Amino acid sequence: MAKVQHITNVARRKKVRRRVHRGRVAGALAILALIVVGIVLAFSTDECESPLTHQHVNAEAVAAAQRDAAAANALAKGSMDRQQQLLSIKAKEAQLRQQGYVNAANDYITTVNSLIK
């Protein structure tokens, strides 16, 4: 039998280097982050007034508002001391808002307005 020569001169394929597309990786990470945040928010066990709005009632702000409103109500209407107390209440509300506690400031001023006579 005759030996059959194998063709060894076959053109070799050039290796293609795959590049990582940064845009695709960033997009995938962003989607993954959104999924994780969604899951965390869905399973959070916060005690909220309404599960749809996630607005918390700040108990400390309400207690401070009740204390300050009682102090203002104890003073005579139209007196300078009462005006000073009301200005102090407005200053506390503004300070809470300035520090970023908008919901606490809303709870504080709502409670004060409902209690002031």
PDB file of N, CA and C in Angstrom:
ATOM      1  N   MET A   1       0.808  -1.159   0.000  1.00  0.00           N
ATOM      2  CA  MET A   1       0.000   0.000   0.000  1.00  0.00           C
ATOM      3  C   MET A   1       0.870   1.247   0.000  1.00  0.00           C
ATOM      4  N   ALA A   2       0.363   2.190  -0.662  1.00  0.00           N
ATOM      5  CA  ALA A   2       1.113   3.431  -0.769  1.00  0.00           C
ATOM      6  C   ALA A   2       0.721   4.355   0.376  1.00  0.00           C
ATOM      7  N   LYS A   3       1.712   5.036   0.810  1.00  0.00           N
ATOM      8  CA  LYS A   3       1.434   5.994   1.896  1.00  0.00           C
ATOM      9  C   LYS A   3       0.733   7.207   1.321  1.00  0.00           C
ATOM     10  N   VAL A   4      -0.298   7.633   2.035  1.00  0.00           N
ATOM     11  CA  VAL A   4      -1.033   8.818   1.634  1.00  0.00           C
ATOM     12  C   VAL A   4      -0.505   9.989   2.458  1.00  0.00           C
ATOM     13  N   GLN A   5      -0.101  10.985   1.742  1.00  0.00           N
ATOM     14  CA  GLN A   5       0.395  12.152   2.450  1.00  0.00           C
ATOM     15  C   GLN A   5      -0.778  13.023   2.886  1.00  0.00           C
ATOM     16  N   HIS A   6      -0.725  13.441   4.102  1.00  0.00           N
ATOM     17  CA  HIS A   6      -1.734  14.360   4.606  1.00  0.00           C
ATOM     18  C   HIS A   6      -1.300  15.773   4.269  1.00  0.00           C
ATOM     19  N   ILE A   7      -2.274  16.561   3.957  1.00  0.00           N
ATOM     20  CA  ILE A   7      -1.958  17.942   3.632  1.00  0.00           C
ATOM     21  C   ILE A   7      -1.708  18.677   4.944  1.00  0.00           C
ATOM     22  N   THR A   8      -0.508  19.085   5.129  1.00  0.00           N
ATOM     23  CA  THR A   8      -0.155  19.783   6.364  1.00  0.00           C
ATOM     24  C   THR A   8       0.001  21.274   6.141  1.00  0.00           C
ATOM     25  N   ASN A   9      -0.183  21.687   4.937  1.00  0.00           N
ATOM     26  CA  ASN A   9      -0.029  23.090   4.609  1.00  0.00           C
ATOM     27  C   ASN A   9      -1.365  23.809   4.637  1.00  0.00           C
ATOM     28  N   VAL A  10      -2.208  23.473   5.570  1.00  0.00           N
ATOM     29  CA  VAL A  10      -3.518  24.087   5.673  1.00  0.00           C
ATOM     30  C   VAL A  10      -3.339  25.483   6.273  1.00  0.00           C
ATOM     31  N   ALA A  11      -4.053  26.434   5.706  1.00  0.00           N
ATOM     32  CA  ALA A  11      -3.953  27.808   6.204  1.00  0.00           C
ATOM     33  C   ALA A  11      -4.472  27.859   7.640  1.00  0.00           C
ATOM     34  N   ARG A  12      -3.670  28.404   8.471  1.00  0.00           N
ATOM     35  CA  ARG A  12      -4.057  28.485   9.877  1.00  0.00           C
ATOM     36  C   ARG A  12      -4.888  29.743  10.087  1.00  0.00           C
ATOM     37  N   ARG A  13      -5.885  29.590  10.934  1.00  0.00           N
ATOM     38  CA  ARG A  13      -6.733  30.741  11.241  1.00  0.00           C
ATOM     39  C   ARG A  13      -6.034  31.625  12.252  1.00  0.00           C
ATOM     40  N   LYS A  14      -6.195  32.903  12.031  1.00  0.00           N
ATOM     41  CA  LYS A  14      -5.598  33.862  12.938  1.00  0.00           C
ATOM     42  C   LYS A  14      -6.471  33.947  14.188  1.00  0.00           C
ATOM     43  N   LYS A  15      -5.853  33.916  15.350  1.00  0.00           N
ATOM     44  CA  LYS A  15      -6.607  34.013  16.595  1.00  0.00           C
ATOM     45  C   LYS A  15      -7.186  35.411  16.720  1.00  0.00           C
ATOM     46  N   VAL A  16      -8.455  35.461  17.012  1.00  0.00           N
ATOM     47  CA  VAL A  16      -9.129  36.732  17.182  1.00  0.00           C
ATOM     48  C   VAL A  16      -9.184  37.044  18.671  1.00  0.00           C
ATOM     49  N   ARG A  17      -8.653  38.185  19.036  1.00  0.00           N
ATOM     50  CA  ARG A  17      -8.684  38.590  20.433  1.00  0.00           C
ATOM     51  C   ARG A  17      -9.994  39.301  20.704  1.00  0.00           C
ATOM     52  N   ARG A  18     -10.702  38.836  21.657  1.00  0.00           N
ATOM     53  CA  ARG A  18     -11.977  39.436  22.023  1.00  0.00           C
ATOM     54  C   ARG A  18     -11.718  40.555  23.025  1.00  0.00           C
ATOM     55  N   ARG A  19     -12.340  41.683  22.769  1.00  0.00           N
ATOM     56  CA  ARG A  19     -12.212  42.814  23.680  1.00  0.00           C
ATOM     57  C   ARG A  19     -13.446  42.900  24.551  1.00  0.00           C
ATOM     58  N   VAL A  20     -13.252  43.386  25.761  1.00  0.00           N
ATOM     59  CA  VAL A  20     -14.366  43.608  26.673  1.00  0.00           C
ATOM     60  C   VAL A  20     -14.941  44.974  26.334  1.00  0.00           C
ATOM     61  N   HIS A  21     -16.219  44.998  26.030  1.00  0.00           N
ATOM     62  CA  HIS A  21     -16.877  46.254  25.711  1.00  0.00           C
ATOM     63  C   HIS A  21     -17.306  46.906  27.020  1.00  0.00           C
ATOM     64  N   ARG A  22     -16.678  48.015  27.319  1.00  0.00           N
ATOM     65  CA  ARG A  22     -16.931  48.687  28.595  1.00  0.00           C
ATOM     66  C   ARG A  22     -18.375  49.145  28.710  1.00  0.00           C
ATOM     67  N   GLY A  23     -18.955  49.558  27.607  1.00  0.00           N
ATOM     68  CA  GLY A  23     -20.345  50.008  27.635  1.00  0.00           C
ATOM     69  C   GLY A  23     -21.298  48.888  28.012  1.00  0.00           C
ATOM     70  N   ARG A  24     -21.031  47.703  27.470  1.00  0.00           N
ATOM     71  CA  ARG A  24     -21.897  46.559  27.804  1.00  0.00           C
ATOM     72  C   ARG A  24     -21.742  46.151  29.258  1.00  0.00           C
ATOM     73  N   VAL A  25     -20.519  46.174  29.743  1.00  0.00           N
ATOM     74  CA  VAL A  25     -20.280  45.816  31.148  1.00  0.00           C
ATOM     75  C   VAL A  25     -20.948  46.834  32.062  1.00  0.00           C
ATOM     76  N   ALA A  26     -20.821  48.117  31.738  1.00  0.00           N
ATOM     77  CA  ALA A  26     -21.443  49.159  32.560  1.00  0.00           C
ATOM     78  C   ALA A  26     -22.960  49.037  32.535  1.00  0.00           C
ATOM     79  N   GLY A  27     -23.522  48.751  31.388  1.00  0.00           N
ATOM     80  CA  GLY A  27     -24.972  48.562  31.285  1.00  0.00           C
ATOM     81  C   GLY A  27     -25.450  47.381  32.106  1.00  0.00           C
ATOM     82  N   ALA A  28     -24.703  46.279  32.031  1.00  0.00           N
ATOM     83  CA  ALA A  28     -25.072  45.085  32.802  1.00  0.00           C
ATOM     84  C   ALA A  28     -24.990  45.356  34.296  1.00  0.00           C
ATOM     85  N   LEU A  29     -23.956  46.076  34.721  1.00  0.00           N
ATOM     86  CA  LEU A  29     -23.829  46.399  36.148  1.00  0.00           C
ATOM     87  C   LEU A  29     -24.936  47.342  36.613  1.00  0.00           C
ATOM     88  N   ALA A  30     -25.323  48.273  35.760  1.00  0.00           N
ATOM     89  CA  ALA A  30     -26.405  49.191  36.119  1.00  0.00           C
ATOM     90  C   ALA A  30     -27.724  48.437  36.265  1.00  0.00           C
ATOM     91  N   ILE A  31     -27.982  47.526  35.365  1.00  0.00           N
ATOM     92  CA  ILE A  31     -29.214  46.729  35.451  1.00  0.00           C
ATOM     93  C   ILE A  31     -29.191  45.868  36.706  1.00  0.00           C
ATOM     94  N   LEU A  32     -28.054  45.265  37.002  1.00  0.00           N
ATOM     95  CA  LEU A  32     -27.929  44.451  38.203  1.00  0.00           C
ATOM     96  C   LEU A  32     -28.152  45.284  39.465  1.00  0.00           C
ATOM     97  N   ALA A  33     -27.605  46.499  39.479  1.00  0.00           N
ATOM     98  CA  ALA A  33     -27.792  47.381  40.643  1.00  0.00           C
ATOM     99  C   ALA A  33     -29.259  47.751  40.810  1.00  0.00           C
ATOM    100  N   LEU A  34     -29.948  48.038  39.711  1.00  0.00           N
ATOM    101  CA  LEU A  34     -31.376  48.359  39.798  1.00  0.00           C
ATOM    102  C   LEU A  34     -32.185  47.178  40.310  1.00  0.00           C
ATOM    103  N   ILE A  35     -31.832  46.000  39.892  1.00  0.00           N
ATOM    104  CA  ILE A  35     -32.544  44.806  40.372  1.00  0.00           C
ATOM    105  C   ILE A  35     -32.331  44.629  41.869  1.00  0.00           C
ATOM    106  N   VAL A  36     -31.100  44.792  42.327  1.00  0.00           N
ATOM    107  CA  VAL A  36     -30.804  44.626  43.759  1.00  0.00           C
ATOM    108  C   VAL A  36     -31.540  45.681  44.580  1.00  0.00           C
ATOM    109  N   VAL A  37     -31.526  46.929  44.137  1.00  0.00           N
ATOM    110  CA  VAL A  37     -32.222  47.998  44.862  1.00  0.00           C
ATOM    111  C   VAL A  37     -33.726  47.724  44.887  1.00  0.00           C
ATOM    112  N   GLY A  38     -34.276  47.259  43.792  1.00  0.00           N
ATOM    113  CA  GLY A  38     -35.701  46.927  43.743  1.00  0.00           C
ATOM    114  C   GLY A  38     -36.067  45.827  44.716  1.00  0.00           C
ATOM    115  N   ILE A  39     -35.232  44.815  44.805  1.00  0.00           N
ATOM    116  CA  ILE A  39     -35.496  43.707  45.730  1.00  0.00           C
ATOM    117  C   ILE A  39     -35.405  44.189  47.174  1.00  0.00           C
ATOM    118  N   VAL A  40     -34.410  45.006  47.471  1.00  0.00           N
ATOM    119  CA  VAL A  40     -34.262  45.518  48.838  1.00  0.00           C
ATOM    120  C   VAL A  40     -35.460  46.372  49.223  1.00  0.00           C
ATOM    121  N   LEU A  41     -35.908  47.234  48.315  1.00  0.00           N
ATOM    122  CA  LEU A  41     -37.073  48.074  48.617  1.00  0.00           C
ATOM    123  C   LEU A  41     -38.349  47.245  48.751  1.00  0.00           C
ATOM    124  N   ALA A  42     -38.458  46.188  47.970  1.00  0.00           N
ATOM    125  CA  ALA A  42     -39.656  45.352  48.034  1.00  0.00           C
ATOM    126  C   ALA A  42     -39.765  44.602  49.358  1.00  0.00           C
ATOM    127  N   PHE A  43     -38.628  44.213  49.908  1.00  0.00           N
ATOM    128  CA  PHE A  43     -38.647  43.423  51.127  1.00  0.00           C
ATOM    129  C   PHE A  43     -38.274  44.207  52.371  1.00  0.00           C
ATOM    130  N   SER A  44     -38.244  45.527  52.279  1.00  0.00           N
ATOM    131  CA  SER A  44     -37.910  46.316  53.458  1.00  0.00           C
ATOM    132  C   SER A  44     -39.040  46.208  54.468  1.00  0.00           C
ATOM    133  N   THR A  45     -38.667  46.199  55.738  1.00  0.00           N
ATOM    134  CA  THR A  45     -39.650  46.023  56.806  1.00  0.00           C
ATOM    135  C   THR A  45     -39.811  47.316  57.589  1.00  0.00           C
ATOM    136  N   ASP A  46     -39.931  48.413  56.873  1.00  0.00           N
ATOM    137  CA  ASP A  46     -40.122  49.690  57.540  1.00  0.00           C
ATOM    138  C   ASP A  46     -41.553  49.812  58.030  1.00  0.00           C
ATOM    139  N   GLU A  47     -41.708  50.497  59.150  1.00  0.00           N
ATOM    140  CA  GLU A  47     -43.043  50.769  59.657  1.00  0.00           C
ATOM    141  C   GLU A  47     -43.462  52.125  59.106  1.00  0.00           C
ATOM    142  N   CYS A  48     -44.239  52.104  58.059  1.00  0.00           N
ATOM    143  CA  CYS A  48     -44.634  53.332  57.377  1.00  0.00           C
ATOM    144  C   CYS A  48     -46.125  53.564  57.567  1.00  0.00           C
ATOM    145  N   GLU A  49     -46.515  54.827  57.386  1.00  0.00           N
ATOM    146  CA  GLU A  49     -47.942  55.138  57.389  1.00  0.00           C
ATOM    147  C   GLU A  49     -48.617  54.410  56.241  1.00  0.00           C
ATOM    148  N   SER A  50     -48.049  54.524  55.095  1.00  0.00           N
ATOM    149  CA  SER A  50     -48.597  53.923  53.895  1.00  0.00           C
ATOM    150  C   SER A  50     -47.482  53.203  53.155  1.00  0.00           C
ATOM    151  N   PRO A  51     -47.672  51.942  52.794  1.00  0.00           N
ATOM    152  CA  PRO A  51     -46.605  51.241  52.089  1.00  0.00           C
ATOM    153  C   PRO A  51     -46.344  51.804  50.700  1.00  0.00           C
ATOM    154  N   LEU A  52     -47.283  52.566  50.154  1.00  0.00           N
ATOM    155  CA  LEU A  52     -47.090  53.119  48.818  1.00  0.00           C
ATOM    156  C   LEU A  52     -46.243  54.377  48.837  1.00  0.00           C
ATOM    157  N   THR A  53     -46.401  55.203  49.854  1.00  0.00           N
ATOM    158  CA  THR A  53     -45.660  56.470  49.896  1.00  0.00           C
ATOM    159  C   THR A  53     -44.374  56.371  50.697  1.00  0.00           C
ATOM    160  N   HIS A  54     -44.251  55.375  51.575  1.00  0.00           N
ATOM    161  CA  HIS A  54     -43.087  55.196  52.431  1.00  0.00           C
ATOM    162  C   HIS A  54     -42.783  56.453  53.236  1.00  0.00           C
ATOM    163  N   GLN A  55     -43.815  57.127  53.712  1.00  0.00           N
ATOM    164  CA  GLN A  55     -43.601  58.296  54.560  1.00  0.00           C
ATOM    165  C   GLN A  55     -43.698  57.865  56.017  1.00  0.00           C
ATOM    166  N   HIS A  56     -42.665  58.142  56.746  1.00  0.00           N
ATOM    167  CA  HIS A  56     -42.603  57.783  58.155  1.00  0.00           C
ATOM    168  C   HIS A  56     -43.074  58.957  58.997  1.00  0.00           C
ATOM    169  N   VAL A  57     -43.702  58.648  60.110  1.00  0.00           N
ATOM    170  CA  VAL A  57     -44.041  59.691  61.071  1.00  0.00           C
ATOM    171  C   VAL A  57     -42.888  59.727  62.065  1.00  0.00           C
ATOM    172  N   ASN A  58     -42.246  60.867  62.135  1.00  0.00           N
ATOM    173  CA  ASN A  58     -41.106  61.016  63.016  1.00  0.00           C
ATOM    174  C   ASN A  58     -41.628  61.296  64.422  1.00  0.00           C
ATOM    175  N   ALA A  59     -41.507  60.308  65.300  1.00  0.00           N
ATOM    176  CA  ALA A  59     -42.053  60.413  66.658  1.00  0.00           C
ATOM    177  C   ALA A  59     -41.353  61.501  67.466  1.00  0.00           C
ATOM    178  N   GLU A  60     -40.056  61.677  67.262  1.00  0.00           N
ATOM    179  CA  GLU A  60     -39.323  62.701  67.996  1.00  0.00           C
ATOM    180  C   GLU A  60     -39.790  64.101  67.594  1.00  0.00           C
ATOM    181  N   ALA A  61     -40.032  64.281  66.310  1.00  0.00           N
ATOM    182  CA  ALA A  61     -40.497  65.593  65.837  1.00  0.00           C
ATOM    183  C   ALA A  61     -41.888  65.892  66.371  1.00  0.00           C
ATOM    184  N   VAL A  62     -42.743  64.880  66.410  1.00  0.00           N
ATOM    185  CA  VAL A  62     -44.104  65.074  66.918  1.00  0.00           C
ATOM    186  C   VAL A  62     -44.067  65.383  68.414  1.00  0.00           C
ATOM    187  N   ALA A  63     -43.213  64.683  69.166  1.00  0.00           N
ATOM    188  CA  ALA A  63     -43.114  64.935  70.613  1.00  0.00           C
ATOM    189  C   ALA A  63     -42.583  66.343  70.880  1.00  0.00           C
ATOM    190  N   ALA A  64     -41.580  66.765  70.123  1.00  0.00           N
ATOM    191  CA  ALA A  64     -41.040  68.119  70.291  1.00  0.00           C
ATOM    192  C   ALA A  64     -42.088  69.166  69.915  1.00  0.00           C
ATOM    193  N   ALA A  65     -42.861  68.885  68.880  1.00  0.00           N
ATOM    194  CA  ALA A  65     -43.912  69.820  68.457  1.00  0.00           C
ATOM    195  C   ALA A  65     -44.989  69.940  69.524  1.00  0.00           C
ATOM    196  N   GLN A  66     -45.369  68.834  70.138  1.00  0.00           N
ATOM    197  CA  GLN A  66     -46.383  68.872  71.197  1.00  0.00           C
ATOM    198  C   GLN A  66     -45.875  69.674  72.394  1.00  0.00           C
ATOM    199  N   ARG A  67     -44.610  69.466  72.740  1.00  0.00           N
ATOM    200  CA  ARG A  67     -44.019  70.195  73.866  1.00  0.00           C
ATOM    201  C   ARG A  67     -43.953  71.700  73.568  1.00  0.00           C
ATOM    202  N   ASP A  68     -43.521  72.058  72.358  1.00  0.00           N
ATOM    203  CA  ASP A  68     -43.394  73.477  72.006  1.00  0.00           C
ATOM    204  C   ASP A  68     -44.758  74.145  71.856  1.00  0.00           C
ATOM    205  N   ALA A  69     -45.744  73.425  71.311  1.00  0.00           N
ATOM    206  CA  ALA A  69     -47.088  73.984  71.169  1.00  0.00           C
ATOM    207  C   ALA A  69     -47.732  74.195  72.536  1.00  0.00           C
ATOM    208  N   ALA A  70     -47.501  73.272  73.470  1.00  0.00           N
ATOM    209  CA  ALA A  70     -48.047  73.426  74.819  1.00  0.00           C
ATOM    210  C   ALA A  70     -47.424  74.641  75.510  1.00  0.00           C
ATOM    211  N   ALA A  71     -46.132  74.841  75.282  1.00  0.00           N
ATOM    212  CA  ALA A  71     -45.465  76.002  75.879  1.00  0.00           C
ATOM    213  C   ALA A  71     -46.023  77.297  75.288  1.00  0.00           C
ATOM    214  N   ALA A  72     -46.309  77.295  73.981  1.00  0.00           N
ATOM    215  CA  ALA A  72     -46.870  78.502  73.343  1.00  0.00           C
ATOM    216  C   ALA A  72     -48.296  78.744  73.807  1.00  0.00           C
ATOM    217  N   ASN A  73     -49.067  77.688  73.986  1.00  0.00           N
ATOM    218  CA  ASN A  73     -50.458  77.840  74.419  1.00  0.00           C
ATOM    219  C   ASN A  73     -50.549  78.311  75.865  1.00  0.00           C
ATOM    220  N   ALA A  74     -49.527  78.038  76.658  1.00  0.00           N
ATOM    221  CA  ALA A  74     -49.541  78.451  78.060  1.00  0.00           C
ATOM    222  C   ALA A  74     -49.318  79.956  78.205  1.00  0.00           C
ATOM    223  N   LEU A  75     -48.782  80.575  77.170  1.00  0.00           N
ATOM    224  CA  LEU A  75     -48.516  82.016  77.231  1.00  0.00           C
ATOM    225  C   LEU A  75     -49.724  82.805  76.736  1.00  0.00           C
ATOM    226  N   ALA A  76     -49.831  84.042  77.188  1.00  0.00           N
ATOM    227  CA  ALA A  76     -50.969  84.899  76.822  1.00  0.00           C
ATOM    228  C   ALA A  76     -50.884  85.283  75.351  1.00  0.00           C
ATOM    229  N   LYS A  77     -52.058  85.279  74.691  1.00  0.00           N
ATOM    230  CA  LYS A  77     -52.101  85.645  73.278  1.00  0.00           C
ATOM    231  C   LYS A  77     -51.674  87.092  73.101  1.00  0.00           C
ATOM    232  N   GLY A  78     -50.863  87.326  72.080  1.00  0.00           N
ATOM    233  CA  GLY A  78     -50.422  88.673  71.780  1.00  0.00           C
ATOM    234  C   GLY A  78     -49.225  89.138  72.597  1.00  0.00           C
ATOM    235  N   SER A  79     -48.763  88.328  73.546  1.00  0.00           N
ATOM    236  CA  SER A  79     -47.619  88.749  74.363  1.00  0.00           C
ATOM    237  C   SER A  79     -46.315  88.531  73.586  1.00  0.00           C
ATOM    238  N   MET A  80     -45.303  89.252  74.017  1.00  0.00           N
ATOM    239  CA  MET A  80     -43.995  89.126  73.366  1.00  0.00           C
ATOM    240  C   MET A  80     -43.391  87.746  73.595  1.00  0.00           C
ATOM    241  N   ASP A  81     -43.662  87.161  74.766  1.00  0.00           N
ATOM    242  CA  ASP A  81     -43.141  85.823  75.056  1.00  0.00           C
ATOM    243  C   ASP A  81     -43.735  84.787  74.103  1.00  0.00           C
ATOM    244  N   ARG A  82     -45.031  84.908  73.830  1.00  0.00           N
ATOM    245  CA  ARG A  82     -45.683  83.982  72.896  1.00  0.00           C
ATOM    246  C   ARG A  82     -45.114  84.175  71.485  1.00  0.00           C
ATOM    247  N   GLN A  83     -44.910  85.413  71.077  1.00  0.00           N
ATOM    248  CA  GLN A  83     -44.335  85.666  69.762  1.00  0.00           C
ATOM    249  C   GLN A  83     -42.926  85.071  69.671  1.00  0.00           C
ATOM    250  N   GLN A  84     -42.173  85.184  70.747  1.00  0.00           N
ATOM    251  CA  GLN A  84     -40.828  84.598  70.789  1.00  0.00           C
ATOM    252  C   GLN A  84     -40.901  83.078  70.656  1.00  0.00           C
ATOM    253  N   GLN A  85     -41.872  82.469  71.326  1.00  0.00           N
ATOM    254  CA  GLN A  85     -42.036  81.015  71.250  1.00  0.00           C
ATOM    255  C   GLN A  85     -42.415  80.589  69.826  1.00  0.00           C
ATOM    256  N   LEU A  86     -43.310  81.343  69.170  1.00  0.00           N
ATOM    257  CA  LEU A  86     -43.713  81.019  67.801  1.00  0.00           C
ATOM    258  C   LEU A  86     -42.542  81.175  66.828  1.00  0.00           C
ATOM    259  N   LEU A  87     -41.735  82.206  67.052  1.00  0.00           N
ATOM    260  CA  LEU A  87     -40.543  82.368  66.219  1.00  0.00           C
ATOM    261  C   LEU A  87     -39.540  81.237  66.437  1.00  0.00           C
ATOM    262  N   SER A  88     -39.451  80.776  67.664  1.00  0.00           N
ATOM    263  CA  SER A  88     -38.579  79.646  67.971  1.00  0.00           C
ATOM    264  C   SER A  88     -39.054  78.378  67.250  1.00  0.00           C
ATOM    265  N   ILE A  89     -40.367  78.212  67.188  1.00  0.00           N
ATOM    266  CA  ILE A  89     -40.945  77.054  66.481  1.00  0.00           C
ATOM    267  C   ILE A  89     -40.592  77.126  64.994  1.00  0.00           C
ATOM    268  N   LYS A  90     -40.765  78.305  64.393  1.00  0.00           N
ATOM    269  CA  LYS A  90     -40.432  78.460  62.972  1.00  0.00           C
ATOM    270  C   LYS A  90     -38.938  78.248  62.727  1.00  0.00           C
ATOM    271  N   ALA A  91     -38.111  78.675  63.679  1.00  0.00           N
ATOM    272  CA  ALA A  91     -36.665  78.485  63.539  1.00  0.00           C
ATOM    273  C   ALA A  91     -36.305  76.999  63.586  1.00  0.00           C
ATOM    274  N   LYS A  92     -36.956  76.237  64.467  1.00  0.00           N
ATOM    275  CA  LYS A  92     -36.697  74.800  64.540  1.00  0.00           C
ATOM    276  C   LYS A  92     -37.106  74.106  63.248  1.00  0.00           C
ATOM    277  N   GLU A  93     -38.241  74.523  62.694  1.00  0.00           N
ATOM    278  CA  GLU A  93     -38.684  73.945  61.423  1.00  0.00           C
ATOM    279  C   GLU A  93     -37.673  74.243  60.313  1.00  0.00           C
ATOM    280  N   ALA A  94     -37.226  75.486  60.247  1.00  0.00           N
ATOM    281  CA  ALA A  94     -36.255  75.873  59.216  1.00  0.00           C
ATOM    282  C   ALA A  94     -34.935  75.135  59.386  1.00  0.00           C
ATOM    283  N   GLN A  95     -34.527  74.926  60.625  1.00  0.00           N
ATOM    284  CA  GLN A  95     -33.282  74.209  60.897  1.00  0.00           C
ATOM    285  C   GLN A  95     -33.392  72.751  60.458  1.00  0.00           C
ATOM    286  N   LEU A  96     -34.531  72.133  60.736  1.00  0.00           N
ATOM    287  CA  LEU A  96     -34.734  70.746  60.294  1.00  0.00           C
ATOM    288  C   LEU A  96     -34.674  70.654  58.771  1.00  0.00           C
ATOM    289  N   ARG A  97     -35.311  71.581  58.091  1.00  0.00           N
ATOM    290  CA  ARG A  97     -35.303  71.574  56.620  1.00  0.00           C
ATOM    291  C   ARG A  97     -33.892  71.803  56.084  1.00  0.00           C
ATOM    292  N   GLN A  98     -33.151  72.710  56.709  1.00  0.00           N
ATOM    293  CA  GLN A  98     -31.803  73.024  56.261  1.00  0.00           C
ATOM    294  C   GLN A  98     -30.867  71.831  56.434  1.00  0.00           C
ATOM    295  N   GLN A  99     -31.091  71.051  57.472  1.00  0.00           N
ATOM    296  CA  GLN A  99     -30.256  69.872  57.721  1.00  0.00           C
ATOM    297  C   GLN A  99     -30.675  68.672  56.867  1.00  0.00           C
ATOM    298  N   GLY A 100     -31.763  68.820  56.093  1.00  0.00           N
ATOM    299  CA  GLY A 100     -32.183  67.743  55.195  1.00  0.00           C
ATOM    300  C   GLY A 100     -33.275  66.850  55.744  1.00  0.00           C
ATOM    301  N   TYR A 101     -33.832  67.180  56.887  1.00  0.00           N
ATOM    302  CA  TYR A 101     -34.890  66.377  57.483  1.00  0.00           C
ATOM    303  C   TYR A 101     -36.252  66.967  57.106  1.00  0.00           C
ATOM    304  N   VAL A 102     -36.588  66.864  55.829  1.00  0.00           N
ATOM    305  CA  VAL A 102     -37.794  67.504  55.320  1.00  0.00           C
ATOM    306  C   VAL A 102     -39.048  66.855  55.896  1.00  0.00           C
ATOM    307  N   ASN A 103     -39.084  65.529  55.952  1.00  0.00           N
ATOM    308  CA  ASN A 103     -40.265  64.840  56.492  1.00  0.00           C
ATOM    309  C   ASN A 103     -40.458  65.144  57.981  1.00  0.00           C
ATOM    310  N   ALA A 104     -39.358  65.205  58.729  1.00  0.00           N
ATOM    311  CA  ALA A 104     -39.464  65.538  60.156  1.00  0.00           C
ATOM    312  C   ALA A 104     -39.959  66.970  60.327  1.00  0.00           C
ATOM    313  N   ALA A 105     -39.480  67.875  59.475  1.00  0.00           N
ATOM    314  CA  ALA A 105     -39.939  69.269  59.551  1.00  0.00           C
ATOM    315  C   ALA A 105     -41.422  69.360  59.224  1.00  0.00           C
ATOM    316  N   ASN A 106     -41.872  68.600  58.244  1.00  0.00           N
ATOM    317  CA  ASN A 106     -43.301  68.591  57.905  1.00  0.00           C
ATOM    318  C   ASN A 106     -44.142  68.053  59.061  1.00  0.00           C
ATOM    319  N   ASP A 107     -43.679  66.964  59.683  1.00  0.00           N
ATOM    320  CA  ASP A 107     -44.407  66.405  60.832  1.00  0.00           C
ATOM    321  C   ASP A 107     -44.433  67.398  61.988  1.00  0.00           C
ATOM    322  N   TYR A 108     -43.311  68.072  62.206  1.00  0.00           N
ATOM    323  CA  TYR A 108     -43.196  69.032  63.308  1.00  0.00           C
ATOM    324  C   TYR A 108     -44.173  70.187  63.120  1.00  0.00           C
ATOM    325  N   ILE A 109     -44.146  70.818  61.960  1.00  0.00           N
ATOM    326  CA  ILE A 109     -44.980  72.008  61.760  1.00  0.00           C
ATOM    327  C   ILE A 109     -46.462  71.638  61.647  1.00  0.00           C
ATOM    328  N   THR A 110     -46.771  70.472  61.082  1.00  0.00           N
ATOM    329  CA  THR A 110     -48.171  70.029  61.003  1.00  0.00           C
ATOM    330  C   THR A 110     -48.744  69.817  62.394  1.00  0.00           C
ATOM    331  N   THR A 111     -47.946  69.188  63.266  1.00  0.00           N
ATOM    332  CA  THR A 111     -48.413  68.948  64.639  1.00  0.00           C
ATOM    333  C   THR A 111     -48.565  70.266  65.387  1.00  0.00           C
ATOM    334  N   VAL A 112     -47.618  71.176  65.229  1.00  0.00           N
ATOM    335  CA  VAL A 112     -47.706  72.476  65.919  1.00  0.00           C
ATOM    336  C   VAL A 112     -48.953  73.224  65.430  1.00  0.00           C
ATOM    337  N   ASN A 113     -49.163  73.261  64.128  1.00  0.00           N
ATOM    338  CA  ASN A 113     -50.328  73.990  63.589  1.00  0.00           C
ATOM    339  C   ASN A 113     -51.654  73.394  64.076  1.00  0.00           C
ATOM    340  N   SER A 114     -51.687  72.091  64.285  1.00  0.00           N
ATOM    341  CA  SER A 114     -52.942  71.496  64.760  1.00  0.00           C
ATOM    342  C   SER A 114     -53.173  71.760  66.245  1.00  0.00           C
ATOM    343  N   LEU A 115     -52.117  72.076  67.000  1.00  0.00           N
ATOM    344  CA  LEU A 115     -52.249  72.243  68.457  1.00  0.00           C
ATOM    345  C   LEU A 115     -52.290  73.717  68.895  1.00  0.00           C
ATOM    346  N   ILE A 116     -51.776  74.612  68.105  1.00  0.00           N
ATOM    347  CA  ILE A 116     -51.781  76.042  68.497  1.00  0.00           C
ATOM    348  C   ILE A 116     -53.193  76.589  68.467  1.00  0.00           C
ATOM    349  N   LYS A 117     -53.540  77.292  69.541  1.00  0.00           N
ATOM    350  CA  LYS A 117     -54.894  77.876  69.636  1.00  0.00           C
ATOM    351  C   LYS A 117     -54.847  79.339  69.349  1.00  0.00           C
TER     352      LYS A 117
END
